[in-house]
């Protein structure tokens, strides 16, 4: 089967699905299943149609140029249109190649965002809080739901750790490249001599896992309850509402104490635990693929310094792709699309090169 034959099959399948969805006797289960497949094929079918339309127009223009030798004005116009279409064609064909590449099954999932202070003491905790707010603003700008799940605050307003659930369309596909070590260079407010300090925070973006994604055996869990505690006496209560869940096989520990209800804290902790176990499974799969693929973006390797935020120079540098933007205030305000778009494009190029 040739490549064009495969594209023919895509168009034919897309058209058959349209007819199936228009049937009077279609069941609700069939409609849901076929609608999903139809929506998934729609971008590829549209890209194929654009490429074929462009090629057809180029063929017509070639004919026009051959038949219009005596009419210089008509020939010049046809040549101009032909050159424009010829220049656009490679990008249109590349779009098909990208859409044909296998996608990450987790891309359409919601995400669990975890931000933790790294080296740098109080300044690192303040930077972690800055990053947490940055992602919150980014989520709000995209119409996603940002739900705080757990936070460990410092007395001066920083975060030792903050965890949130981010829900919306293709959340994980956009946020997954944020996993890693983020470094900040700035003069802390508490620094009297004006020296620039370097500190860091780690970000982990986990695909939110459903119960069907990760099977957790109750006998593998140890669940402890205790009284919640907080900085300055905040969030303290007199009942054992805080929950600590330990997954014994993986030694993964999750704690949650933000809610006054033990039941709600347990539900949140289980949600985080499922996401972490799902990430462990994904990391094992990625490790197997890494041997076949030399270049990979967004593995979530927390030992990797991925980005530097330099306040004196007002710049942000992503070290994975060598991109520097002189728009630090905008980035911290949630304007991350330029960075993420570049990372997505780099990931696509790497995967295309590996095929």
C-alpha atoms as a PDB file:
ATOM      1  CA  UNK A   1       0.000   0.000   0.000  1.00  0.00           C
ATOM      2  CA  UNK A   2       1.394   3.406  -0.997  1.00  0.00           C
ATOM      3  CA  UNK A   3       1.369   6.493   1.211  1.00  0.00           C
ATOM      4  CA  UNK A   4      -1.410   8.018  -0.929  1.00  0.00           C
ATOM      5  CA  UNK A   5      -3.442   4.838  -0.500  1.00  0.00           C
ATOM      6  CA  UNK A   6      -3.195   5.252   3.267  1.00  0.00           C
ATOM      7  CA  UNK A   7      -4.398   8.842   2.941  1.00  0.00           C
ATOM      8  CA  UNK A   8      -7.290   7.635   0.771  1.00  0.00           C
ATOM      9  CA  UNK A   9      -8.252   5.222   3.557  1.00  0.00           C
ATOM     10  CA  UNK A  10      -8.298   8.073   6.080  1.00  0.00           C
ATOM     11  CA  UNK A  11     -10.623  10.166   3.906  1.00  0.00           C
ATOM     12  CA  UNK A  12     -12.871   7.173   3.204  1.00  0.00           C
ATOM     13  CA  UNK A  13     -13.076   6.257   6.900  1.00  0.00           C
ATOM     14  CA  UNK A  14     -13.892   9.832   7.852  1.00  0.00           C
ATOM     15  CA  UNK A  15     -16.717   9.933   5.293  1.00  0.00           C
ATOM     16  CA  UNK A  16     -18.074   6.540   6.438  1.00  0.00           C
ATOM     17  CA  UNK A  17     -18.132   7.764  10.025  1.00  0.00           C
ATOM     18  CA  UNK A  18     -20.130  10.828   8.948  1.00  0.00           C
ATOM     19  CA  UNK A  19     -22.724   8.546   7.314  1.00  0.00           C
ATOM     20  CA  UNK A  20     -22.809   6.245  10.361  1.00  0.00           C
ATOM     21  CA  UNK A  21     -23.385   9.175  12.711  1.00  0.00           C
ATOM     22  CA  UNK A  22     -26.312  10.342  10.556  1.00  0.00           C
ATOM     23  CA  UNK A  23     -28.122   6.985  10.854  1.00  0.00           C
ATOM     24  CA  UNK A  24     -31.593   7.137  12.410  1.00  0.00           C
ATOM     25  CA  UNK A  25     -31.147   3.883  14.329  1.00  0.00           C
ATOM     26  CA  UNK A  26     -27.745   4.632  15.870  1.00  0.00           C
ATOM     27  CA  UNK A  27     -27.517   3.805  19.585  1.00  0.00           C
ATOM     28  CA  UNK A  28     -26.191   6.242  22.157  1.00  0.00           C
ATOM     29  CA  UNK A  29     -23.136   4.058  22.855  1.00  0.00           C
ATOM     30  CA  UNK A  30     -22.344   3.831  19.126  1.00  0.00           C
ATOM     31  CA  UNK A  31     -22.782   7.582  18.767  1.00  0.00           C
ATOM     32  CA  UNK A  32     -20.320   8.324  21.570  1.00  0.00           C
ATOM     33  CA  UNK A  33     -17.736   5.857  20.217  1.00  0.00           C
ATOM     34  CA  UNK A  34     -18.029   6.941  16.576  1.00  0.00           C
ATOM     35  CA  UNK A  35     -18.131  10.654  17.447  1.00  0.00           C
ATOM     36  CA  UNK A  36     -14.823  10.321  19.258  1.00  0.00           C
ATOM     37  CA  UNK A  37     -13.182   8.596  16.278  1.00  0.00           C
ATOM     38  CA  UNK A  38     -14.696  11.137  13.868  1.00  0.00           C
ATOM     39  CA  UNK A  39     -13.341  14.055  15.924  1.00  0.00           C
ATOM     40  CA  UNK A  40      -9.887  12.442  16.138  1.00  0.00           C
ATOM     41  CA  UNK A  41      -9.734  11.917  12.345  1.00  0.00           C
ATOM     42  CA  UNK A  42     -11.125  15.368  11.471  1.00  0.00           C
ATOM     43  CA  UNK A  43      -7.824  17.357  11.659  1.00  0.00           C
ATOM     44  CA  UNK A  44      -5.982  14.743   9.560  1.00  0.00           C
ATOM     45  CA  UNK A  45      -8.775  14.541   6.973  1.00  0.00           C
ATOM     46  CA  UNK A  46      -8.815  18.351   6.706  1.00  0.00           C
ATOM     47  CA  UNK A  47      -5.015  18.476   6.278  1.00  0.00           C
ATOM     48  CA  UNK A  48      -5.123  15.826   3.532  1.00  0.00           C
ATOM     49  CA  UNK A  49      -7.873  17.772   1.760  1.00  0.00           C
ATOM     50  CA  UNK A  50      -5.817  20.995   1.930  1.00  0.00           C
ATOM     51  CA  UNK A  51      -2.740  19.305   0.462  1.00  0.00           C
ATOM     52  CA  UNK A  52      -4.692  17.694  -2.364  1.00  0.00           C
ATOM     53  CA  UNK A  53      -6.519  20.929  -3.157  1.00  0.00           C
ATOM     54  CA  UNK A  54      -3.187  22.765  -3.274  1.00  0.00           C
ATOM     55  CA  UNK A  55      -1.663  20.162  -5.607  1.00  0.00           C
ATOM     56  CA  UNK A  56      -4.736  20.292  -7.864  1.00  0.00           C
ATOM     57  CA  UNK A  57      -4.539  24.099  -8.058  1.00  0.00           C
ATOM     58  CA  UNK A  58      -0.818  23.886  -8.868  1.00  0.00           C
ATOM     59  CA  UNK A  59      -1.573  21.425 -11.672  1.00  0.00           C
ATOM     60  CA  UNK A  60      -4.197  23.802 -13.088  1.00  0.00           C
ATOM     61  CA  UNK A  61      -1.745  26.708 -12.911  1.00  0.00           C
ATOM     62  CA  UNK A  62       0.916  24.672 -14.749  1.00  0.00           C
ATOM     63  CA  UNK A  63      -1.612  24.043 -17.496  1.00  0.00           C
ATOM     64  CA  UNK A  64      -2.538  27.718 -17.571  1.00  0.00           C
ATOM     65  CA  UNK A  65       1.119  28.771 -17.847  1.00  0.00           C
ATOM     66  CA  UNK A  66       1.682  26.340 -20.729  1.00  0.00           C
ATOM     67  CA  UNK A  67      -1.380  27.615 -22.586  1.00  0.00           C
ATOM     68  CA  UNK A  68      -0.798  31.290 -21.922  1.00  0.00           C
ATOM     69  CA  UNK A  69       2.588  31.848 -23.507  1.00  0.00           C
ATOM     70  CA  UNK A  70       1.214  34.621 -25.670  1.00  0.00           C
ATOM     71  CA  UNK A  71      -0.413  36.401 -22.720  1.00  0.00           C
ATOM     72  CA  UNK A  72       2.439  37.639 -20.549  1.00  0.00           C
ATOM     73  CA  UNK A  73       0.196  39.220 -17.920  1.00  0.00           C
ATOM     74  CA  UNK A  74      -1.818  36.016 -17.417  1.00  0.00           C
ATOM     75  CA  UNK A  75       1.327  33.922 -17.335  1.00  0.00           C
ATOM     76  CA  UNK A  76       2.976  36.208 -14.752  1.00  0.00           C
ATOM     77  CA  UNK A  77      -0.136  36.025 -12.558  1.00  0.00           C
ATOM     78  CA  UNK A  78      -0.222  32.206 -12.795  1.00  0.00           C
ATOM     79  CA  UNK A  79       3.504  31.957 -12.006  1.00  0.00           C
ATOM     80  CA  UNK A  80       3.062  34.179  -8.932  1.00  0.00           C
ATOM     81  CA  UNK A  81       0.185  32.049  -7.613  1.00  0.00           C
ATOM     82  CA  UNK A  82       2.084  28.853  -8.380  1.00  0.00           C
ATOM     83  CA  UNK A  83       5.163  30.018  -6.453  1.00  0.00           C
ATOM     84  CA  UNK A  84       3.026  30.963  -3.436  1.00  0.00           C
ATOM     85  CA  UNK A  85       1.362  27.528  -3.385  1.00  0.00           C
ATOM     86  CA  UNK A  86       4.688  25.767  -3.939  1.00  0.00           C
ATOM     87  CA  UNK A  87       6.162  27.609  -0.946  1.00  0.00           C
ATOM     88  CA  UNK A  88       3.198  26.688   1.259  1.00  0.00           C
ATOM     89  CA  UNK A  89       3.055  23.006   0.255  1.00  0.00           C
ATOM     90  CA  UNK A  90       5.953  21.685   2.434  1.00  0.00           C
ATOM     91  CA  UNK A  91       4.336  23.052   5.597  1.00  0.00           C
ATOM     92  CA  UNK A  92       0.999  21.515   4.626  1.00  0.00           C
ATOM     93  CA  UNK A  93       2.659  18.145   3.980  1.00  0.00           C
ATOM     94  CA  UNK A  94       4.562  18.362   7.278  1.00  0.00           C
ATOM     95  CA  UNK A  95       1.237  18.905   9.064  1.00  0.00           C
ATOM     96  CA  UNK A  96       0.048  15.536   7.729  1.00  0.00           C
ATOM     97  CA  UNK A  97       3.256  13.849   8.903  1.00  0.00           C
ATOM     98  CA  UNK A  98       2.815  15.301  12.391  1.00  0.00           C
ATOM     99  CA  UNK A  99      -0.834  14.239  12.589  1.00  0.00           C
ATOM    100  CA  UNK A 100       0.097  10.716  11.488  1.00  0.00           C
ATOM    101  CA  UNK A 101       2.637  10.337  14.299  1.00  0.00           C
ATOM    102  CA  UNK A 102       1.507   8.298  17.299  1.00  0.00           C
ATOM    103  CA  UNK A 103       0.286  10.579  20.066  1.00  0.00           C
ATOM    104  CA  UNK A 104       0.949  10.313  23.766  1.00  0.00           C
ATOM    105  CA  UNK A 105      -2.151   8.536  25.139  1.00  0.00           C
ATOM    106  CA  UNK A 106      -2.012  10.823  28.171  1.00  0.00           C
ATOM    107  CA  UNK A 107      -2.108  14.082  26.170  1.00  0.00           C
ATOM    108  CA  UNK A 108      -5.869  14.539  26.484  1.00  0.00           C
ATOM    109  CA  UNK A 109      -5.842  13.997  30.252  1.00  0.00           C
ATOM    110  CA  UNK A 110      -6.064  16.549  33.025  1.00  0.00           C
ATOM    111  CA  UNK A 111      -2.944  17.115  35.122  1.00  0.00           C
ATOM    112  CA  UNK A 112      -1.690  17.186  38.688  1.00  0.00           C
ATOM    113  CA  UNK A 113       0.775  20.057  39.107  1.00  0.00           C
ATOM    114  CA  UNK A 114       3.349  19.808  41.910  1.00  0.00           C
ATOM    115  CA  UNK A 115       5.698  22.704  42.721  1.00  0.00           C
ATOM    116  CA  UNK A 116       8.382  22.347  45.407  1.00  0.00           C
ATOM    117  CA  UNK A 117      11.058  24.670  46.755  1.00  0.00           C
ATOM    118  CA  UNK A 118      14.569  23.461  46.022  1.00  0.00           C
ATOM    119  CA  UNK A 119      17.941  24.874  46.997  1.00  0.00           C
ATOM    120  CA  UNK A 120      17.874  28.430  48.297  1.00  0.00           C
ATOM    121  CA  UNK A 121      15.898  28.432  51.549  1.00  0.00           C
ATOM    122  CA  UNK A 122      13.222  31.118  51.936  1.00  0.00           C
ATOM    123  CA  UNK A 123      14.021  32.571  48.504  1.00  0.00           C
ATOM    124  CA  UNK A 124      13.417  29.179  46.873  1.00  0.00           C
ATOM    125  CA  UNK A 125      10.045  28.929  48.632  1.00  0.00           C
ATOM    126  CA  UNK A 126       9.088  32.415  47.400  1.00  0.00           C
ATOM    127  CA  UNK A 127      10.111  31.423  43.866  1.00  0.00           C
ATOM    128  CA  UNK A 128       8.021  28.235  44.140  1.00  0.00           C
ATOM    129  CA  UNK A 129       5.043  30.438  45.014  1.00  0.00           C
ATOM    130  CA  UNK A 130       5.780  32.639  41.970  1.00  0.00           C
ATOM    131  CA  UNK A 131       5.786  29.556  39.710  1.00  0.00           C
ATOM    132  CA  UNK A 132       2.577  28.232  41.243  1.00  0.00           C
ATOM    133  CA  UNK A 133       0.812  31.553  40.564  1.00  0.00           C
ATOM    134  CA  UNK A 134       2.300  31.622  37.038  1.00  0.00           C
ATOM    135  CA  UNK A 135       0.667  28.292  36.207  1.00  0.00           C
ATOM    136  CA  UNK A 136      -2.575  29.366  37.842  1.00  0.00           C
ATOM    137  CA  UNK A 137      -2.715  32.438  35.589  1.00  0.00           C
ATOM    138  CA  UNK A 138      -1.778  30.342  32.548  1.00  0.00           C
ATOM    139  CA  UNK A 139      -4.639  27.959  33.331  1.00  0.00           C
ATOM    140  CA  UNK A 140      -7.100  30.818  33.794  1.00  0.00           C
ATOM    141  CA  UNK A 141      -6.053  32.357  30.461  1.00  0.00           C
ATOM    142  CA  UNK A 142      -6.893  29.062  28.731  1.00  0.00           C
ATOM    143  CA  UNK A 143     -10.197  28.574  30.490  1.00  0.00           C
ATOM    144  CA  UNK A 144      -8.952  25.585  32.489  1.00  0.00           C
ATOM    145  CA  UNK A 145     -10.084  24.792  36.016  1.00  0.00           C
ATOM    146  CA  UNK A 146      -7.281  25.242  38.555  1.00  0.00           C
ATOM    147  CA  UNK A 147      -8.077  23.570  41.878  1.00  0.00           C
ATOM    148  CA  UNK A 148      -5.600  23.807  44.793  1.00  0.00           C
ATOM    149  CA  UNK A 149      -5.204  20.408  46.461  1.00  0.00           C
ATOM    150  CA  UNK A 150      -2.463  20.743  49.049  1.00  0.00           C
ATOM    151  CA  UNK A 151      -0.021  23.411  50.183  1.00  0.00           C
ATOM    152  CA  UNK A 152       2.744  23.776  52.750  1.00  0.00           C
ATOM    153  CA  UNK A 153       3.287  27.494  53.299  1.00  0.00           C
ATOM    154  CA  UNK A 154       6.205  29.350  54.854  1.00  0.00           C
ATOM    155  CA  UNK A 155       5.748  32.253  57.296  1.00  0.00           C
ATOM    156  CA  UNK A 156       6.825  34.821  54.653  1.00  0.00           C
ATOM    157  CA  UNK A 157       4.367  33.687  51.952  1.00  0.00           C
ATOM    158  CA  UNK A 158       6.369  31.083  50.081  1.00  0.00           C
ATOM    159  CA  UNK A 159       5.588  27.436  49.409  1.00  0.00           C
ATOM    160  CA  UNK A 160       7.660  24.486  50.502  1.00  0.00           C
ATOM    161  CA  UNK A 161       5.242  22.464  48.375  1.00  0.00           C
ATOM    162  CA  UNK A 162       2.009  23.239  46.525  1.00  0.00           C
ATOM    163  CA  UNK A 163      -0.134  20.813  44.553  1.00  0.00           C
ATOM    164  CA  UNK A 164      -3.071  21.610  42.268  1.00  0.00           C
ATOM    165  CA  UNK A 165      -5.372  19.826  39.856  1.00  0.00           C
ATOM    166  CA  UNK A 166      -5.645  21.405  36.389  1.00  0.00           C
ATOM    167  CA  UNK A 167      -8.611  20.339  34.262  1.00  0.00           C
ATOM    168  CA  UNK A 168      -9.532  21.289  30.702  1.00  0.00           C
ATOM    169  CA  UNK A 169      -8.972  20.459  27.072  1.00  0.00           C
ATOM    170  CA  UNK A 170      -5.581  18.806  26.360  1.00  0.00           C
ATOM    171  CA  UNK A 171      -4.107  20.124  29.609  1.00  0.00           C
ATOM    172  CA  UNK A 172      -1.370  17.495  29.953  1.00  0.00           C
ATOM    173  CA  UNK A 173      -0.237  17.887  26.334  1.00  0.00           C
ATOM    174  CA  UNK A 174       0.601  21.542  27.065  1.00  0.00           C
ATOM    175  CA  UNK A 175       1.880  21.365  30.626  1.00  0.00           C
ATOM    176  CA  UNK A 176       3.971  18.174  30.468  1.00  0.00           C
ATOM    177  CA  UNK A 177       7.024  20.063  29.180  1.00  0.00           C
ATOM    178  CA  UNK A 178       7.163  22.073  32.435  1.00  0.00           C
ATOM    179  CA  UNK A 179       8.513  19.168  34.507  1.00  0.00           C
ATOM    180  CA  UNK A 180      12.048  19.748  35.736  1.00  0.00           C
ATOM    181  CA  UNK A 181      14.226  22.150  37.696  1.00  0.00           C
ATOM    182  CA  UNK A 182      13.440  25.864  37.334  1.00  0.00           C
ATOM    183  CA  UNK A 183      16.207  28.262  38.416  1.00  0.00           C
ATOM    184  CA  UNK A 184      15.830  31.903  39.431  1.00  0.00           C
ATOM    185  CA  UNK A 185      18.490  34.617  39.569  1.00  0.00           C
ATOM    186  CA  UNK A 186      17.454  37.756  41.459  1.00  0.00           C
ATOM    187  CA  UNK A 187      18.133  39.976  44.459  1.00  0.00           C
ATOM    188  CA  UNK A 188      16.005  38.716  47.366  1.00  0.00           C
ATOM    189  CA  UNK A 189      13.907  41.284  49.244  1.00  0.00           C
ATOM    190  CA  UNK A 190      15.803  40.356  52.400  1.00  0.00           C
ATOM    191  CA  UNK A 191      19.222  40.982  50.806  1.00  0.00           C
ATOM    192  CA  UNK A 192      20.570  44.311  52.051  1.00  0.00           C
ATOM    193  CA  UNK A 193      23.766  44.347  49.977  1.00  0.00           C
ATOM    194  CA  UNK A 194      21.973  43.942  46.647  1.00  0.00           C
ATOM    195  CA  UNK A 195      23.696  40.681  45.708  1.00  0.00           C
ATOM    196  CA  UNK A 196      22.071  38.418  43.147  1.00  0.00           C
ATOM    197  CA  UNK A 197      21.149  35.010  44.554  1.00  0.00           C
ATOM    198  CA  UNK A 198      20.471  31.808  42.634  1.00  0.00           C
ATOM    199  CA  UNK A 199      17.840  29.405  43.921  1.00  0.00           C
ATOM    200  CA  UNK A 200      15.621  26.738  42.411  1.00  0.00           C
ATOM    201  CA  UNK A 201      12.272  25.000  42.499  1.00  0.00           C
ATOM    202  CA  UNK A 202      11.148  21.736  40.965  1.00  0.00           C
ATOM    203  CA  UNK A 203       7.988  21.279  38.959  1.00  0.00           C
ATOM    204  CA  UNK A 204       6.354  17.928  38.309  1.00  0.00           C
ATOM    205  CA  UNK A 205       3.393  17.635  35.941  1.00  0.00           C
ATOM    206  CA  UNK A 206       1.603  14.292  36.215  1.00  0.00           C
ATOM    207  CA  UNK A 207      -1.214  13.020  34.018  1.00  0.00           C
ATOM    208  CA  UNK A 208      -4.309  12.675  36.154  1.00  0.00           C
ATOM    209  CA  UNK A 209      -5.093   8.978  36.295  1.00  0.00           C
ATOM    210  CA  UNK A 210      -8.531   7.401  36.465  1.00  0.00           C
ATOM    211  CA  UNK A 211      -9.186   4.232  38.433  1.00  0.00           C
ATOM    212  CA  UNK A 212      -9.120   2.285  35.160  1.00  0.00           C
ATOM    213  CA  UNK A 213      -5.594   3.600  34.444  1.00  0.00           C
ATOM    214  CA  UNK A 214      -4.045   2.437  37.701  1.00  0.00           C
ATOM    215  CA  UNK A 215      -5.170  -0.526  39.746  1.00  0.00           C
ATOM    216  CA  UNK A 216      -4.481   0.028  43.449  1.00  0.00           C
ATOM    217  CA  UNK A 217      -4.951  -2.872  45.852  1.00  0.00           C
ATOM    218  CA  UNK A 218      -6.234  -1.764  49.251  1.00  0.00           C
ATOM    219  CA  UNK A 219      -3.873  -4.196  50.984  1.00  0.00           C
ATOM    220  CA  UNK A 220      -0.944  -2.293  49.451  1.00  0.00           C
ATOM    221  CA  UNK A 221      -1.938   0.890  51.276  1.00  0.00           C
ATOM    222  CA  UNK A 222      -1.174   2.117  54.783  1.00  0.00           C
ATOM    223  CA  UNK A 223      -3.468   4.993  55.756  1.00  0.00           C
ATOM    224  CA  UNK A 224      -2.609   7.137  58.769  1.00  0.00           C
ATOM    225  CA  UNK A 225      -4.657  10.016  60.158  1.00  0.00           C
ATOM    226  CA  UNK A 226      -3.456  12.881  62.335  1.00  0.00           C
ATOM    227  CA  UNK A 227      -4.333  16.422  63.312  1.00  0.00           C
ATOM    228  CA  UNK A 228      -3.646  18.982  60.607  1.00  0.00           C
ATOM    229  CA  UNK A 229      -1.073  21.676  61.248  1.00  0.00           C
ATOM    230  CA  UNK A 230      -0.217  24.943  59.561  1.00  0.00           C
ATOM    231  CA  UNK A 231       2.063  27.944  59.757  1.00  0.00           C
ATOM    232  CA  UNK A 232       1.102  30.417  62.443  1.00  0.00           C
ATOM    233  CA  UNK A 233      -1.706  28.239  63.722  1.00  0.00           C
ATOM    234  CA  UNK A 234      -3.627  28.315  60.452  1.00  0.00           C
ATOM    235  CA  UNK A 235      -5.600  25.281  59.282  1.00  0.00           C
ATOM    236  CA  UNK A 236      -5.247  23.643  62.707  1.00  0.00           C
ATOM    237  CA  UNK A 237      -8.181  21.652  64.029  1.00  0.00           C
ATOM    238  CA  UNK A 238      -8.888  19.337  66.932  1.00  0.00           C
ATOM    239  CA  UNK A 239      -9.842  16.239  64.929  1.00  0.00           C
ATOM    240  CA  UNK A 240      -7.681  13.749  63.066  1.00  0.00           C
ATOM    241  CA  UNK A 241      -8.679  15.043  59.628  1.00  0.00           C
ATOM    242  CA  UNK A 242      -5.233  15.009  57.965  1.00  0.00           C
ATOM    243  CA  UNK A 243      -4.416  11.904  55.933  1.00  0.00           C
ATOM    244  CA  UNK A 244      -1.155  10.240  55.009  1.00  0.00           C
ATOM    245  CA  UNK A 245      -1.307   7.391  52.473  1.00  0.00           C
ATOM    246  CA  UNK A 246       1.684   5.145  51.868  1.00  0.00           C
ATOM    247  CA  UNK A 247       1.729   2.852  48.833  1.00  0.00           C
ATOM    248  CA  UNK A 248       3.904   0.069  50.200  1.00  0.00           C
ATOM    249  CA  UNK A 249       5.160  -1.565  46.951  1.00  0.00           C
ATOM    250  CA  UNK A 250       6.468   1.716  45.502  1.00  0.00           C
ATOM    251  CA  UNK A 251       7.079   3.477  48.856  1.00  0.00           C
ATOM    252  CA  UNK A 252       5.146   6.453  47.531  1.00  0.00           C
ATOM    253  CA  UNK A 253       3.814   8.703  50.289  1.00  0.00           C
ATOM    254  CA  UNK A 254       1.068  11.307  49.870  1.00  0.00           C
ATOM    255  CA  UNK A 255      -0.245  13.615  52.574  1.00  0.00           C
ATOM    256  CA  UNK A 256      -3.231  15.944  52.482  1.00  0.00           C
ATOM    257  CA  UNK A 257      -4.530  18.179  55.281  1.00  0.00           C
ATOM    258  CA  UNK A 258      -6.100  21.211  53.608  1.00  0.00           C
ATOM    259  CA  UNK A 259      -9.701  20.066  54.051  1.00  0.00           C
ATOM    260  CA  UNK A 260     -11.472  19.901  57.422  1.00  0.00           C
ATOM    261  CA  UNK A 261     -13.035  16.602  56.348  1.00  0.00           C
ATOM    262  CA  UNK A 262     -10.942  13.442  56.619  1.00  0.00           C
ATOM    263  CA  UNK A 263     -12.983  11.933  53.777  1.00  0.00           C
ATOM    264  CA  UNK A 264     -12.166  14.856  51.436  1.00  0.00           C
ATOM    265  CA  UNK A 265      -8.489  14.758  52.364  1.00  0.00           C
ATOM    266  CA  UNK A 266      -8.372  11.018  51.640  1.00  0.00           C
ATOM    267  CA  UNK A 267     -10.072  11.519  48.259  1.00  0.00           C
ATOM    268  CA  UNK A 268      -7.549  14.208  47.299  1.00  0.00           C
ATOM    269  CA  UNK A 269      -4.629  12.102  48.498  1.00  0.00           C
ATOM    270  CA  UNK A 270      -5.820   9.110  46.451  1.00  0.00           C
ATOM    271  CA  UNK A 271      -6.123  11.329  43.381  1.00  0.00           C
ATOM    272  CA  UNK A 272      -2.510  12.460  43.793  1.00  0.00           C
ATOM    273  CA  UNK A 273      -1.350   8.897  44.502  1.00  0.00           C
ATOM    274  CA  UNK A 274      -2.980   7.540  41.326  1.00  0.00           C
ATOM    275  CA  UNK A 275      -1.276  10.276  39.282  1.00  0.00           C
ATOM    276  CA  UNK A 276       2.146   9.507  40.798  1.00  0.00           C
ATOM    277  CA  UNK A 277       1.808   5.755  40.233  1.00  0.00           C
ATOM    278  CA  UNK A 278       0.621   6.390  36.676  1.00  0.00           C
ATOM    279  CA  UNK A 279       3.702   8.563  36.122  1.00  0.00           C
ATOM    280  CA  UNK A 280       5.935   5.758  37.420  1.00  0.00           C
ATOM    281  CA  UNK A 281       4.437   3.399  34.828  1.00  0.00           C
ATOM    282  CA  UNK A 282       4.870   6.017  32.091  1.00  0.00           C
ATOM    283  CA  UNK A 283       8.486   6.642  33.185  1.00  0.00           C
ATOM    284  CA  UNK A 284       9.258   2.929  32.819  1.00  0.00           C
ATOM    285  CA  UNK A 285       7.810   2.953  29.303  1.00  0.00           C
ATOM    286  CA  UNK A 286       9.731   6.110  28.430  1.00  0.00           C
ATOM    287  CA  UNK A 287      12.964   4.547  29.694  1.00  0.00           C
ATOM    288  CA  UNK A 288      12.476   1.672  27.280  1.00  0.00           C
ATOM    289  CA  UNK A 289      11.861   4.076  24.395  1.00  0.00           C
ATOM    290  CA  UNK A 290      14.799   6.312  25.318  1.00  0.00           C
ATOM    291  CA  UNK A 291      17.256   3.697  24.107  1.00  0.00           C
ATOM    292  CA  UNK A 292      15.760   4.070  20.630  1.00  0.00           C
ATOM    293  CA  UNK A 293      15.376   7.831  20.696  1.00  0.00           C
ATOM    294  CA  UNK A 294      18.391  10.009  21.498  1.00  0.00           C
ATOM    295  CA  UNK A 295      16.629  13.318  21.811  1.00  0.00           C
ATOM    296  CA  UNK A 296      13.571  13.691  24.007  1.00  0.00           C
ATOM    297  CA  UNK A 297      11.839  16.680  25.535  1.00  0.00           C
ATOM    298  CA  UNK A 298       9.663  16.654  28.626  1.00  0.00           C
ATOM    299  CA  UNK A 299      10.668  13.384  30.246  1.00  0.00           C
ATOM    300  CA  UNK A 300       9.980  14.856  33.667  1.00  0.00           C
ATOM    301  CA  UNK A 301      13.546  14.188  34.846  1.00  0.00           C
ATOM    302  CA  UNK A 302      13.696  16.438  37.884  1.00  0.00           C
ATOM    303  CA  UNK A 303      17.507  16.450  37.935  1.00  0.00           C
ATOM    304  CA  UNK A 304      17.465  18.373  34.677  1.00  0.00           C
ATOM    305  CA  UNK A 305      17.696  22.179  34.865  1.00  0.00           C
ATOM    306  CA  UNK A 306      15.238  23.179  32.203  1.00  0.00           C
ATOM    307  CA  UNK A 307      14.752  26.933  32.575  1.00  0.00           C
ATOM    308  CA  UNK A 308      16.325  30.037  34.129  1.00  0.00           C
ATOM    309  CA  UNK A 309      14.410  33.182  35.153  1.00  0.00           C
ATOM    310  CA  UNK A 310      16.897  36.070  35.289  1.00  0.00           C
ATOM    311  CA  UNK A 311      15.335  39.129  36.963  1.00  0.00           C
ATOM    312  CA  UNK A 312      18.181  41.677  36.510  1.00  0.00           C
ATOM    313  CA  UNK A 313      18.113  41.123  32.729  1.00  0.00           C
ATOM    314  CA  UNK A 314      14.353  40.506  32.506  1.00  0.00           C
ATOM    315  CA  UNK A 315      14.844  37.306  30.532  1.00  0.00           C
ATOM    316  CA  UNK A 316      13.709  33.705  30.562  1.00  0.00           C
ATOM    317  CA  UNK A 317      15.903  31.009  28.978  1.00  0.00           C
ATOM    318  CA  UNK A 318      14.763  27.472  28.232  1.00  0.00           C
ATOM    319  CA  UNK A 319      17.975  25.437  28.140  1.00  0.00           C
ATOM    320  CA  UNK A 320      16.471  22.427  26.322  1.00  0.00           C
ATOM    321  CA  UNK A 321      15.908  24.346  23.110  1.00  0.00           C
ATOM    322  CA  UNK A 322      18.196  27.357  23.636  1.00  0.00           C
ATOM    323  CA  UNK A 323      15.293  29.825  23.528  1.00  0.00           C
ATOM    324  CA  UNK A 324      15.625  33.159  25.357  1.00  0.00           C
ATOM    325  CA  UNK A 325      12.715  35.581  25.730  1.00  0.00           C
ATOM    326  CA  UNK A 326      13.155  39.082  27.130  1.00  0.00           C
ATOM    327  CA  UNK A 327       9.661  39.182  28.622  1.00  0.00           C
ATOM    328  CA  UNK A 328      10.051  37.882  32.185  1.00  0.00           C
ATOM    329  CA  UNK A 329       7.120  39.886  33.681  1.00  0.00           C
ATOM    330  CA  UNK A 330       4.747  38.586  31.005  1.00  0.00           C
ATOM    331  CA  UNK A 331       5.896  34.992  31.487  1.00  0.00           C
ATOM    332  CA  UNK A 332       5.386  35.158  35.259  1.00  0.00           C
ATOM    333  CA  UNK A 333       1.956  36.633  34.547  1.00  0.00           C
ATOM    334  CA  UNK A 334       1.072  33.386  32.751  1.00  0.00           C
ATOM    335  CA  UNK A 335       2.110  34.150  29.164  1.00  0.00           C
ATOM    336  CA  UNK A 336       3.741  30.762  28.518  1.00  0.00           C
ATOM    337  CA  UNK A 337       2.396  29.941  25.060  1.00  0.00           C
ATOM    338  CA  UNK A 338       5.480  31.081  23.115  1.00  0.00           C
ATOM    339  CA  UNK A 339       7.717  28.864  25.248  1.00  0.00           C
ATOM    340  CA  UNK A 340       5.391  25.873  25.148  1.00  0.00           C
ATOM    341  CA  UNK A 341       4.739  26.196  21.398  1.00  0.00           C
ATOM    342  CA  UNK A 342       8.503  26.074  20.778  1.00  0.00           C
ATOM    343  CA  UNK A 343       8.865  22.998  23.009  1.00  0.00           C
ATOM    344  CA  UNK A 344       5.992  21.225  21.235  1.00  0.00           C
ATOM    345  CA  UNK A 345       7.547  21.983  17.840  1.00  0.00           C
ATOM    346  CA  UNK A 346      10.940  20.706  19.009  1.00  0.00           C
ATOM    347  CA  UNK A 347       9.353  17.524  20.358  1.00  0.00           C
ATOM    348  CA  UNK A 348       7.546  16.934  17.079  1.00  0.00           C
ATOM    349  CA  UNK A 349      10.772  17.408  15.098  1.00  0.00           C
ATOM    350  CA  UNK A 350      12.611  14.965  17.360  1.00  0.00           C
ATOM    351  CA  UNK A 351       9.894  12.334  17.006  1.00  0.00           C
ATOM    352  CA  UNK A 352       9.777  12.768  13.239  1.00  0.00           C
ATOM    353  CA  UNK A 353      13.565  12.335  13.052  1.00  0.00           C
ATOM    354  CA  UNK A 354      13.309   9.131  15.100  1.00  0.00           C
ATOM    355  CA  UNK A 355      10.721   7.513  12.827  1.00  0.00           C
END
